[in-house]
Protein backbone atom coordinates (compact mmCIF):
# COMPACT_ATOMS: atom_id res chain seq x y z
CA UNK A 1 -30.42 -13.00 7.26
CA UNK A 2 -27.61 -15.39 7.01
CA UNK A 3 -24.06 -14.43 7.47
CA UNK A 4 -23.27 -15.34 3.84
CA UNK A 5 -26.13 -13.16 2.59
CA UNK A 6 -25.00 -10.28 4.57
CA UNK A 7 -21.36 -10.55 3.54
CA UNK A 8 -22.62 -10.85 -0.15
CA UNK A 9 -24.68 -7.75 0.14
CA UNK A 10 -21.90 -5.71 1.69
CA UNK A 11 -19.35 -6.67 -0.88
CA UNK A 12 -21.87 -6.00 -3.86
CA UNK A 13 -22.65 -2.55 -2.41
CA UNK A 14 -18.89 -1.72 -1.93
CA UNK A 15 -17.92 -2.69 -5.44
CA UNK A 16 -21.00 -1.23 -7.02
CA UNK A 17 -20.34 2.15 -5.32
CA UNK A 18 -16.73 2.18 -6.52
CA UNK A 19 -17.63 1.27 -10.05
CA UNK A 20 -20.44 3.87 -10.11
CA UNK A 21 -17.76 6.50 -8.89
CA UNK A 22 -15.41 5.30 -11.48
CA UNK A 23 -17.80 5.64 -14.33
CA UNK A 24 -18.76 9.14 -13.21
CA UNK A 25 -15.07 9.94 -13.92
CA UNK A 26 -14.31 9.36 -17.67
CA UNK A 27 -10.55 8.73 -18.25
CA UNK A 28 -8.48 10.33 -21.03
CA UNK A 29 -4.92 9.82 -22.11
CA UNK A 30 -2.33 11.36 -24.39
CA UNK A 31 -1.26 8.06 -26.14
CA UNK A 32 -2.10 4.46 -26.19
CA UNK A 33 -0.74 2.93 -23.10
CA UNK A 34 -0.33 6.38 -21.47
CA UNK A 35 -1.71 7.06 -18.10
CA UNK A 36 -5.30 7.90 -17.72
CA UNK A 37 -6.09 11.64 -16.96
CA UNK A 38 -8.75 12.10 -14.36
CA UNK A 39 -9.51 14.71 -11.70
CA UNK A 40 -7.65 16.43 -10.28
CA UNK A 41 -5.50 16.36 -13.64
CA UNK A 42 -6.73 17.73 -16.99
CA UNK A 43 -5.31 17.97 -20.48
CA UNK A 44 -4.29 21.32 -21.63
CA UNK A 45 -6.71 22.37 -24.44
CA UNK A 46 -9.51 20.29 -23.08
CA UNK A 47 -12.69 21.52 -21.03
CA UNK A 48 -11.39 22.30 -17.48
CA UNK A 49 -13.69 21.46 -14.64
CA UNK A 50 -13.52 22.98 -11.16
CA UNK A 51 -11.83 19.88 -9.49
CA UNK A 52 -9.08 19.58 -12.21
CA UNK A 53 -6.34 21.90 -10.90
CA UNK A 54 -3.22 20.06 -12.17
CA UNK A 55 -2.43 20.55 -15.96
CA UNK A 56 -0.79 18.07 -18.03
CA UNK A 57 0.52 18.53 -21.76
CA UNK A 58 0.35 15.99 -24.54
CA UNK A 59 3.78 16.30 -26.17
CA UNK A 60 5.28 13.79 -28.62
CA UNK A 61 2.98 10.93 -27.57
CA UNK A 62 4.08 11.64 -23.90
CA UNK A 63 2.22 13.05 -20.92
CA UNK A 64 4.14 15.96 -19.51
CA UNK A 65 3.79 18.25 -16.55
CA UNK A 66 5.79 21.53 -16.19
CA UNK A 67 7.65 22.04 -12.89
CA UNK A 68 9.24 25.39 -12.28
CA UNK A 69 12.11 26.06 -12.53
CA UNK A 70 13.32 22.88 -13.79
CA UNK A 71 11.04 22.35 -16.81
CA UNK A 72 8.92 19.37 -18.00
CA UNK A 73 8.96 15.82 -16.69
CA UNK A 74 7.27 13.02 -18.25
CA UNK A 75 4.39 11.20 -16.39
CA UNK A 76 5.04 7.52 -16.16
CA UNK A 77 2.00 6.57 -14.06
CA UNK A 78 -0.62 7.88 -11.92
CA UNK A 79 -2.25 6.10 -9.11
CA UNK A 80 -5.48 7.77 -8.00
CA UNK A 81 -6.10 5.40 -5.01
CA UNK A 82 -2.69 6.27 -3.35
CA UNK A 83 -2.47 9.70 -4.78
CA UNK A 84 0.94 8.86 -6.30
CA UNK A 85 2.57 10.28 -9.44
CA UNK A 86 5.54 8.59 -10.80
CA UNK A 87 7.81 10.70 -13.15
CA UNK A 88 10.60 10.37 -15.82
CA UNK A 89 13.28 12.83 -16.32
CA UNK A 90 13.82 13.24 -20.07
CA UNK A 91 17.32 14.58 -19.29
CA UNK A 92 18.22 11.52 -17.31
CA UNK A 93 19.62 13.49 -14.48
CA UNK A 94 17.50 12.73 -11.40
CA UNK A 95 19.73 14.84 -9.07
CA UNK A 96 19.53 17.70 -11.41
CA UNK A 97 15.83 17.40 -10.79
CA UNK A 98 16.14 17.26 -7.10
CA UNK A 99 18.59 20.19 -7.17
CA UNK A 100 16.29 22.57 -9.24
CA UNK A 101 12.78 21.40 -8.30
CA UNK A 102 10.73 23.86 -6.16
CA UNK A 103 7.76 21.84 -5.04
CA UNK A 104 6.45 24.76 -2.99
CA UNK A 105 5.24 26.42 -6.21
CA UNK A 106 3.17 23.29 -6.88
CA UNK A 107 0.45 21.13 -5.06
CA UNK A 108 2.90 18.21 -4.86
CA UNK A 109 5.13 16.78 -2.20
CA UNK A 110 7.82 13.84 -2.42
CA UNK A 111 6.03 10.44 -1.91
CA UNK A 112 9.13 9.10 -0.03
CA UNK A 113 10.71 10.09 3.18
CA UNK A 114 13.27 12.89 2.86
CA UNK A 115 16.72 13.60 4.25
CA UNK A 116 18.95 16.59 4.04
CA UNK A 117 21.84 16.58 1.53
CA UNK A 118 24.33 19.24 0.58
CA UNK A 119 25.39 19.75 -3.06
CA UNK A 120 28.97 20.48 -3.35
CA UNK A 121 30.59 21.84 -6.58
CA UNK A 122 34.42 21.09 -6.37
CA UNK A 123 37.34 21.97 -8.64
CA UNK A 124 39.05 18.95 -7.71
CA UNK A 125 37.80 15.24 -6.99
CA UNK A 126 37.07 14.17 -3.43
CA UNK A 127 37.99 10.91 -1.97
CA UNK A 128 36.52 7.86 -3.86
CA UNK A 129 34.31 7.41 -0.80
CA UNK A 130 32.17 10.15 -2.10
CA UNK A 131 30.61 9.48 -5.62
CA UNK A 132 30.24 12.54 -7.97
CA UNK A 133 27.11 13.12 -9.83
CA UNK A 134 28.12 12.59 -13.45
CA UNK A 135 25.18 14.46 -15.18
CA UNK A 136 26.16 17.56 -13.09
CA UNK A 137 29.85 17.35 -13.19
CA UNK A 138 32.21 18.52 -16.08
CA UNK A 139 35.88 18.36 -17.07
CA UNK A 140 36.77 21.16 -14.64
CA UNK A 141 34.27 20.69 -11.83
CA UNK A 142 32.77 17.79 -9.85
CA UNK A 143 29.49 17.71 -8.05
CA UNK A 144 28.62 15.55 -4.99
CA UNK A 145 25.77 14.99 -2.62
CA UNK A 146 26.95 14.61 0.97
CA UNK A 147 25.17 14.72 4.38
CA UNK A 148 25.73 18.02 5.97
CA UNK A 149 27.48 16.67 9.07
CA UNK A 150 29.49 14.00 7.36
CA UNK A 151 32.50 16.26 6.49
CA UNK A 152 34.05 19.56 6.65
CA UNK A 153 33.69 21.33 3.20
CA UNK A 154 37.12 21.53 1.59
CA UNK A 155 38.45 24.83 0.40
CA UNK A 156 38.33 23.68 -3.23
CA UNK A 157 34.59 23.00 -2.83
CA UNK A 158 31.52 25.26 -2.61
CA UNK A 159 28.19 24.36 -1.10
CA UNK A 160 25.67 24.87 -3.78
CA UNK A 161 22.59 24.05 -1.77
CA UNK A 162 21.28 21.87 1.16
CA UNK A 163 17.89 20.50 0.41
CA UNK A 164 15.66 17.64 1.62
CA UNK A 165 15.56 14.98 -1.00
CA UNK A 166 14.71 11.15 -1.26
CA UNK A 167 18.43 10.18 -1.44
CA UNK A 168 22.00 11.20 -2.05
CA UNK A 169 23.68 10.16 -5.41
CA UNK A 170 24.53 6.42 -5.90
CA UNK A 171 25.49 4.86 -9.14
CA UNK A 172 23.09 2.07 -8.12
CA UNK A 173 20.30 4.51 -7.93
CA UNK A 174 20.99 6.69 -10.90
CA UNK A 175 18.08 5.91 -13.10
CA UNK A 176 15.86 8.72 -14.51
CA UNK A 177 12.84 7.77 -12.45
CA UNK A 178 13.90 6.30 -9.07
CA UNK A 179 12.85 8.64 -6.41
CA UNK A 180 10.73 10.84 -8.70
CA UNK A 181 7.48 9.88 -7.06
CA UNK A 182 5.15 12.72 -5.90
CA UNK A 183 2.02 12.88 -4.00
CA UNK A 184 -0.80 15.55 -4.00
CA UNK A 185 -2.61 16.60 -0.94
CA UNK A 186 -5.41 19.26 -0.34
CA UNK A 187 -5.92 20.89 -3.71
CA UNK A 188 -8.59 23.20 -2.58
CA UNK A 189 -10.88 24.03 0.23
CA UNK A 190 -13.38 21.80 -1.40
CA UNK A 191 -11.25 18.78 -0.77
CA UNK A 192 -11.68 19.00 3.04
CA UNK A 193 -14.85 19.17 5.09
CA UNK A 194 -14.21 20.22 8.72
CA UNK A 195 -17.34 18.15 9.74
CA UNK A 196 -16.96 15.07 7.74
CA UNK A 197 -13.05 14.83 7.27
CA UNK A 198 -11.62 14.01 3.83
CA UNK A 199 -14.06 14.66 1.06
CA UNK A 200 -11.95 13.40 -1.87
CA UNK A 201 -12.96 9.93 -2.79
CA UNK A 202 -14.61 9.56 0.64
CA UNK A 203 -17.31 7.22 -0.71
CA UNK A 204 -14.55 4.95 -1.99
CA UNK A 205 -12.79 5.03 1.35
CA UNK A 206 -15.94 4.31 3.16
CA UNK A 207 -16.87 1.52 0.79
CA UNK A 208 -13.35 -0.07 1.26
CA UNK A 209 -13.81 0.36 5.00
CA UNK A 210 -17.09 -1.27 5.05
CA UNK A 211 -15.55 -4.21 3.04
CA UNK A 212 -12.66 -4.62 5.40
CA UNK A 213 -15.16 -4.39 8.33
CA UNK A 214 -17.33 -7.05 6.69
CA UNK A 215 -14.46 -9.42 6.16
CA UNK A 216 -13.53 -9.15 9.89
CA UNK A 217 -17.05 -9.82 10.98
CA UNK A 218 -17.30 -12.80 8.54
CA UNK A 219 -13.85 -14.10 9.69
CA UNK A 220 -14.98 -13.75 13.28
CA UNK A 221 -18.28 -15.54 12.67
CA UNK A 222 -16.49 -18.41 10.73
CA UNK A 223 -14.01 -18.72 13.69
CA UNK A 224 -16.76 -18.76 16.37
CA UNK A 225 -18.68 -21.29 14.07
CA UNK A 226 -15.67 -23.47 13.77
CA UNK A 227 -15.05 -23.32 17.46
CA UNK A 228 -18.74 -24.24 18.29
CA UNK A 229 -18.57 -27.18 15.76
CA UNK A 230 -15.26 -28.36 17.28
CA UNK A 231 -16.81 -28.05 20.89
CA UNK A 232 -20.01 -29.97 19.85
CA UNK A 233 -17.84 -32.73 18.25
CA UNK A 234 -15.79 -32.94 21.33
CA UNK A 235 -18.99 -33.08 23.47
CA UNK A 236 -20.40 -35.77 21.19
CA UNK A 237 -17.36 -37.76 21.41
CA UNK A 238 -17.14 -37.50 25.12
CA UNK A 239 -20.76 -38.51 25.54
CA UNK A 240 -20.31 -41.31 23.06
CA UNK A 241 -17.15 -42.49 24.91
CA UNK A 242 -19.17 -42.26 28.11
CA UNK A 243 -21.91 -44.39 26.65
CA UNK A 244 -19.33 -46.93 25.48
CA UNK A 245 -17.68 -46.96 28.89
CA UNK A 246 -21.10 -47.58 30.61
CA UNK A 247 -21.92 -50.32 28.24
CA UNK A 248 -18.37 -51.99 28.74
CA UNK A 249 -18.88 -51.68 32.49
CA UNK A 250 -22.44 -53.24 32.36
CA UNK A 251 -21.03 -56.01 30.15
CA UNK A 252 -18.19 -56.55 32.72
CA UNK A 253 -20.75 -56.69 35.30
CA UNK A 254 -23.05 -59.19 33.64
CA UNK A 255 -19.96 -61.17 32.88
CA UNK A 256 -18.94 -61.16 36.51
CA UNK A 257 -22.52 -62.13 37.65
CA UNK A 258 -22.56 -64.91 34.96
CA UNK A 259 -19.11 -66.17 36.13
CA UNK A 260 -20.16 -66.21 39.82
CA UNK A 261 -23.32 -67.99 38.99
CA UNK A 262 -21.53 -70.61 36.87
CA UNK A 263 -19.01 -71.20 39.64
CA UNK A 264 -21.85 -71.75 42.20
CA UNK A 265 -23.47 -74.28 39.81
CA UNK A 266 -20.08 -76.11 39.51
CA UNK A 267 -19.83 -76.18 43.36
CA UNK A 268 -23.33 -77.64 43.70
CA UNK A 269 -22.79 -80.21 40.94
CA UNK A 270 -19.60 -81.33 42.68
CA UNK A 271 -21.37 -81.77 46.07
CA UNK A 272 -23.99 -83.97 44.42
C-alpha cells in the first residue's frame, strides 16, 4: 500500500467517524441563527435524555440558562469541541454577574484564568487611578474592583467580597459578554472511565489524534523521500561530473600524445 493510499484511508476513516458521531446527535435550537442544542444540553419541555444534564430555556427568541443566584444569562454560542459556552448579560453588567454568580452550584467553571479581586463599596470616590463600576454604582455609593494587596481599604469603603474572576473592571472591557465564557467538565460518572480515560467524545478525539499522527507520518515520509531524491540527484551529478572529467582527461591525453607525435614528425621532416 502506497503512502498516499494509506494517508487517504486514515483521513477518510477519521472524518467518517466524526460525521457519523455528529449525525447521531441531532441538533436543535431556540431560534433561527441560535446556537445548536446538543448533549449535554437540552431544551426545557423537550424529551430529556440521560446525558443531557444542562437545561436551557427558549425565551423571546433567545436561548437562556438560569444561574443562581444571579438569574438568567443569554447563550451567545456553544462550542462542543472545546467545551466552551459564551454568554451575554441581558442587564449589561458583566461585573454584576461576576459578583453574584455562584458556579459552585453548577457544572461550569470559567473558561479563562482567574485572579482574586475585591469589590469595594465606597461612600466617596477613590483616586482616578481606580475605575468605578458604573452599573453597580449610584449617586451616593461607588463600587470598585481592586486587587486585595494593592491598597489599604479606606474608612469610607467597605469590602463587599473577594472572589476569583477573569478581570477587574476596565472601561475598555465593559461589554456584556467579554469574560463570560464558561466550560463544563465531568457532568456525571459516565463521562469518565478509569480504564480508558475520557469517555466524552473519545471517538472524535481518537480520530483527530489518528489524523494528526497520519499527517506527521506523511510529512516525515515526504521529507525522507525529498532527501533521498536530493541525494540521488547529487550522486548522479557527481557521477556525471566524474565521467565528464575522465573524458576531458582522456581528450587531453590524446591531444598530448597527438601533439608529441606531430612534433616528432616535424623533427624527422626537418632532418630529411
